[in-house]
Amino acid sequence: MIRYALHCKACDEDFEAWFASSSAYETLKEKRQVRCTVCNSSRVDKQIMAPAVSSAAKKKDAPADPEKMFAAFAEKARQHVAQNFDYVGSNFAEEARSMYYGEQDERPIWGETTEEEREALKEEGVPAAPLPEPFTPPIPKPKGQLN
């Protein structure tokens, strides 16, 4: 089977059609059986097309399983948060508020809040957002604590 991009000279419509082979297209064209899908004219020609060639390299670069792609992305996000954000635990609301009001230098933080703390931060206009679970790194152990 082969797909051709076609153009109708009568109504200027572009469309596609499938044929058993290139010779089947030519045979149908000679018999004036290749017709426009809009005006039914037989004044139809093939458009210039780039062939769709499948190669081993293309197959190797084919998109991965979406679940695997998401898992890899989530792992990178967890690593980024763990390496670049300070874990402040249950002090998140207090730390975020302190930075917002200029009481301390801004820095990226993550931690936990209660529902009431989240609402209070929102009402005050303190920029904070929940970190979705797939992107949350493991909670670090307190410094000096062994396993």
C-alpha atoms as a PDB file:
ATOM      1  CA  MET A   1       0.000   0.000   0.000  1.00  0.00           C
ATOM      2  CA  ILE A   2       1.128   3.528  -0.758  1.00  0.00           C
ATOM      3  CA  ARG A   3      -0.343   6.851   0.297  1.00  0.00           C
ATOM      4  CA  TYR A   4      -0.222   9.830  -2.027  1.00  0.00           C
ATOM      5  CA  ALA A   5      -0.900  13.472  -1.350  1.00  0.00           C
ATOM      6  CA  LEU A   6      -3.147  14.607  -4.200  1.00  0.00           C
ATOM      7  CA  HIS A   7      -4.256  17.965  -5.578  1.00  0.00           C
ATOM      8  CA  CYS A   8      -7.399  18.738  -7.556  1.00  0.00           C
ATOM      9  CA  LYS A   9      -6.824  21.249 -10.361  1.00  0.00           C
ATOM     10  CA  ALA A  10     -10.554  21.886 -10.693  1.00  0.00           C
ATOM     11  CA  CYS A  11     -11.317  23.075  -7.133  1.00  0.00           C
ATOM     12  CA  ASP A  12      -7.776  23.492  -5.705  1.00  0.00           C
ATOM     13  CA  GLU A  13      -8.458  20.918  -2.968  1.00  0.00           C
ATOM     14  CA  ASP A  14      -5.607  18.935  -1.356  1.00  0.00           C
ATOM     15  CA  PHE A  15      -6.325  15.439  -0.054  1.00  0.00           C
ATOM     16  CA  GLU A  16      -4.736  12.026   0.447  1.00  0.00           C
ATOM     17  CA  ALA A  17      -5.553   8.594  -0.892  1.00  0.00           C
ATOM     18  CA  TRP A  18      -4.194   5.066  -0.541  1.00  0.00           C
ATOM     19  CA  PHE A  19      -3.359   2.829  -3.516  1.00  0.00           C
ATOM     20  CA  ALA A  20      -2.240  -0.786  -3.774  1.00  0.00           C
ATOM     21  CA  SER A  21       0.951   0.341  -5.527  1.00  0.00           C
ATOM     22  CA  SER A  22       2.344   3.173  -7.630  1.00  0.00           C
ATOM     23  CA  SER A  23       1.387   1.243 -10.775  1.00  0.00           C
ATOM     24  CA  ALA A  24      -2.173   0.836  -9.452  1.00  0.00           C
ATOM     25  CA  TYR A  25      -2.345   4.609  -9.047  1.00  0.00           C
ATOM     26  CA  GLU A  26      -1.124   5.101 -12.648  1.00  0.00           C
ATOM     27  CA  THR A  27      -3.672   2.610 -13.991  1.00  0.00           C
ATOM     28  CA  LEU A  28      -6.547   4.277 -12.137  1.00  0.00           C
ATOM     29  CA  LYS A  29      -5.333   7.713 -13.209  1.00  0.00           C
ATOM     30  CA  GLU A  30      -5.281   6.651 -16.896  1.00  0.00           C
ATOM     31  CA  LYS A  31      -8.859   5.364 -16.533  1.00  0.00           C
ATOM     32  CA  ARG A  32      -9.816   8.703 -14.924  1.00  0.00           C
ATOM     33  CA  GLN A  33     -10.930   6.870 -11.766  1.00  0.00           C
ATOM     34  CA  VAL A  34      -8.804   8.952  -9.382  1.00  0.00           C
ATOM     35  CA  ARG A  35     -11.311  11.592  -8.341  1.00  0.00           C
ATOM     36  CA  CYS A  36     -11.406  14.627  -6.067  1.00  0.00           C
ATOM     37  CA  THR A  37     -13.098  14.000  -2.727  1.00  0.00           C
ATOM     38  CA  VAL A  38     -14.801  17.412  -2.907  1.00  0.00           C
ATOM     39  CA  CYS A  39     -15.876  18.065  -6.516  1.00  0.00           C
ATOM     40  CA  ASN A  40     -15.471  14.564  -8.049  1.00  0.00           C
ATOM     41  CA  SER A  41     -13.261  15.921 -10.829  1.00  0.00           C
ATOM     42  CA  SER A  42     -10.709  13.586 -12.398  1.00  0.00           C
ATOM     43  CA  ARG A  43      -8.267  16.508 -12.856  1.00  0.00           C
ATOM     44  CA  VAL A  44      -6.170  15.192  -9.965  1.00  0.00           C
ATOM     45  CA  ASP A  45      -2.366  15.033  -9.740  1.00  0.00           C
ATOM     46  CA  LYS A  46       0.096  13.735  -7.170  1.00  0.00           C
ATOM     47  CA  GLN A  47       1.866  16.322  -5.051  1.00  0.00           C
ATOM     48  CA  ILE A  48       5.593  16.219  -4.424  1.00  0.00           C
ATOM     49  CA  MET A  49       6.165  14.174  -1.286  1.00  0.00           C
ATOM     50  CA  ALA A  50       9.123  13.178   0.840  1.00  0.00           C
ATOM     51  CA  PRO A  51       9.184   9.424   1.328  1.00  0.00           C
ATOM     52  CA  ALA A  52       8.591   8.100   4.824  1.00  0.00           C
ATOM     53  CA  VAL A  53      11.588   5.860   5.282  1.00  0.00           C
ATOM     54  CA  SER A  54      11.844   3.716   8.370  1.00  0.00           C
ATOM     55  CA  SER A  55      15.333   2.974   9.566  1.00  0.00           C
ATOM     56  CA  ALA A  56      16.901   1.119  12.438  1.00  0.00           C
ATOM     57  CA  ALA A  57      18.172   4.436  13.807  1.00  0.00           C
ATOM     58  CA  LYS A  58      14.659   5.913  13.717  1.00  0.00           C
ATOM     59  CA  LYS A  59      13.224   2.881  15.511  1.00  0.00           C
ATOM     60  CA  LYS A  60      15.935   3.176  18.148  1.00  0.00           C
ATOM     61  CA  ASP A  61      14.988   6.849  18.655  1.00  0.00           C
ATOM     62  CA  ALA A  62      11.269   6.093  18.752  1.00  0.00           C
ATOM     63  CA  PRO A  63       9.446   7.510  21.764  1.00  0.00           C
ATOM     64  CA  ALA A  64       9.734   5.377  24.845  1.00  0.00           C
ATOM     65  CA  ASP A  65       6.869   4.059  26.878  1.00  0.00           C
ATOM     66  CA  PRO A  66       5.127   7.157  28.373  1.00  0.00           C
ATOM     67  CA  GLU A  67       5.152   5.619  31.858  1.00  0.00           C
ATOM     68  CA  LYS A  68       8.905   5.025  31.652  1.00  0.00           C
ATOM     69  CA  MET A  69       9.431   8.560  30.338  1.00  0.00           C
ATOM     70  CA  PHE A  70       7.424   9.990  33.233  1.00  0.00           C
ATOM     71  CA  ALA A  71       9.302   7.856  35.774  1.00  0.00           C
ATOM     72  CA  ALA A  72      12.643   9.094  34.394  1.00  0.00           C
ATOM     73  CA  PHE A  73      11.434  12.712  34.473  1.00  0.00           C
ATOM     74  CA  ALA A  74      10.128  12.319  38.027  1.00  0.00           C
ATOM     75  CA  GLU A  75      13.463  10.844  39.141  1.00  0.00           C
ATOM     76  CA  LYS A  76      15.338  13.822  37.688  1.00  0.00           C
ATOM     77  CA  ALA A  77      12.942  16.198  39.437  1.00  0.00           C
ATOM     78  CA  ARG A  78      13.412  14.400  42.774  1.00  0.00           C
ATOM     79  CA  GLN A  79      17.185  14.607  42.373  1.00  0.00           C
ATOM     80  CA  HIS A  80      16.983  18.304  41.481  1.00  0.00           C
ATOM     81  CA  VAL A  81      14.872  19.105  44.549  1.00  0.00           C
ATOM     82  CA  ALA A  82      17.104  17.007  46.837  1.00  0.00           C
ATOM     83  CA  GLN A  83      20.287  18.694  45.556  1.00  0.00           C
ATOM     84  CA  ASN A  84      19.065  22.291  45.205  1.00  0.00           C
ATOM     85  CA  PHE A  85      16.353  22.860  47.820  1.00  0.00           C
ATOM     86  CA  ASP A  86      16.672  23.015  51.590  1.00  0.00           C
ATOM     87  CA  TYR A  87      14.367  20.656  53.461  1.00  0.00           C
ATOM     88  CA  VAL A  88      12.699  22.640  56.247  1.00  0.00           C
ATOM     89  CA  GLY A  89      10.227  20.002  57.430  1.00  0.00           C
ATOM     90  CA  SER A  90       7.202  21.287  59.287  1.00  0.00           C
ATOM     91  CA  ASN A  91       8.698  24.804  59.356  1.00  0.00           C
ATOM     92  CA  PHE A  92       7.823  25.364  55.702  1.00  0.00           C
ATOM     93  CA  ALA A  93       5.088  27.981  56.283  1.00  0.00           C
ATOM     94  CA  GLU A  94       7.232  29.908  58.771  1.00  0.00           C
ATOM     95  CA  GLU A  95      10.294  29.865  56.462  1.00  0.00           C
ATOM     96  CA  ALA A  96       8.294  30.826  53.356  1.00  0.00           C
ATOM     97  CA  ARG A  97       6.600  33.679  55.202  1.00  0.00           C
ATOM     98  CA  SER A  98       9.926  34.903  56.606  1.00  0.00           C
ATOM     99  CA  MET A  99      11.471  35.050  53.124  1.00  0.00           C
ATOM    100  CA  TYR A 100       8.360  36.713  51.681  1.00  0.00           C
ATOM    101  CA  TYR A 101       8.489  39.517  54.240  1.00  0.00           C
ATOM    102  CA  GLY A 102      12.240  39.991  53.783  1.00  0.00           C
ATOM    103  CA  GLU A 103      13.202  38.732  57.241  1.00  0.00           C
ATOM    104  CA  GLN A 104      15.694  36.309  55.666  1.00  0.00           C
ATOM    105  CA  ASP A 105      17.328  35.770  52.282  1.00  0.00           C
ATOM    106  CA  GLU A 106      15.310  33.885  49.702  1.00  0.00           C
ATOM    107  CA  ARG A 107      16.336  30.326  48.894  1.00  0.00           C
ATOM    108  CA  PRO A 108      14.555  27.306  47.446  1.00  0.00           C
ATOM    109  CA  ILE A 109      12.909  25.263  50.192  1.00  0.00           C
ATOM    110  CA  TRP A 110      10.581  22.319  50.539  1.00  0.00           C
ATOM    111  CA  GLY A 111       8.764  20.777  53.473  1.00  0.00           C
ATOM    112  CA  GLU A 112       5.324  20.109  54.896  1.00  0.00           C
ATOM    113  CA  THR A 113       2.350  22.277  55.810  1.00  0.00           C
ATOM    114  CA  THR A 114      -1.050  21.743  57.309  1.00  0.00           C
ATOM    115  CA  GLU A 115      -4.191  22.657  55.383  1.00  0.00           C
ATOM    116  CA  GLU A 116      -4.595  25.721  57.613  1.00  0.00           C
ATOM    117  CA  GLU A 117      -1.007  26.838  56.930  1.00  0.00           C
ATOM    118  CA  ARG A 118      -1.515  26.426  53.170  1.00  0.00           C
ATOM    119  CA  GLU A 119      -4.668  28.553  53.292  1.00  0.00           C
ATOM    120  CA  ALA A 120      -2.949  31.239  55.390  1.00  0.00           C
ATOM    121  CA  LEU A 121       0.011  31.417  52.979  1.00  0.00           C
ATOM    122  CA  LYS A 122      -2.397  31.691  50.061  1.00  0.00           C
ATOM    123  CA  GLU A 123      -4.411  34.474  51.743  1.00  0.00           C
ATOM    124  CA  GLU A 124      -1.204  36.422  52.501  1.00  0.00           C
ATOM    125  CA  GLY A 125      -0.021  36.075  48.917  1.00  0.00           C
ATOM    126  CA  VAL A 126       3.078  34.085  49.885  1.00  0.00           C
ATOM    127  CA  PRO A 127       4.157  32.196  46.749  1.00  0.00           C
ATOM    128  CA  ALA A 128       4.103  28.491  47.573  1.00  0.00           C
ATOM    129  CA  ALA A 129       2.810  25.417  45.802  1.00  0.00           C
ATOM    130  CA  PRO A 130       2.482  21.766  46.728  1.00  0.00           C
ATOM    131  CA  LEU A 131       5.219  19.508  45.426  1.00  0.00           C
ATOM    132  CA  PRO A 132       3.470  16.580  43.698  1.00  0.00           C
ATOM    133  CA  GLU A 133       4.301  13.245  45.293  1.00  0.00           C
ATOM    134  CA  PRO A 134       6.114  11.795  42.247  1.00  0.00           C
ATOM    135  CA  PHE A 135       8.597  14.698  42.441  1.00  0.00           C
ATOM    136  CA  THR A 136       9.129  14.620  46.202  1.00  0.00           C
ATOM    137  CA  PRO A 137      12.517  13.252  47.248  1.00  0.00           C
ATOM    138  CA  PRO A 138      12.907  11.099  50.344  1.00  0.00           C
ATOM    139  CA  ILE A 139      12.959  13.165  53.518  1.00  0.00           C
ATOM    140  CA  PRO A 140      16.607  13.648  54.466  1.00  0.00           C
ATOM    141  CA  LYS A 141      17.827  12.265  57.772  1.00  0.00           C
ATOM    142  CA  PRO A 142      18.824  14.835  60.374  1.00  0.00           C
ATOM    143  CA  LYS A 143      22.503  15.682  60.256  1.00  0.00           C
ATOM    144  CA  GLY A 144      24.576  13.452  62.487  1.00  0.00           C
ATOM    145  CA  GLN A 145      21.995  10.636  62.482  1.00  0.00           C
ATOM    146  CA  LEU A 146      23.237   7.255  61.282  1.00  0.00           C
ATOM    147  CA  ASN A 147      20.935   4.915  59.365  1.00  0.00           C
END
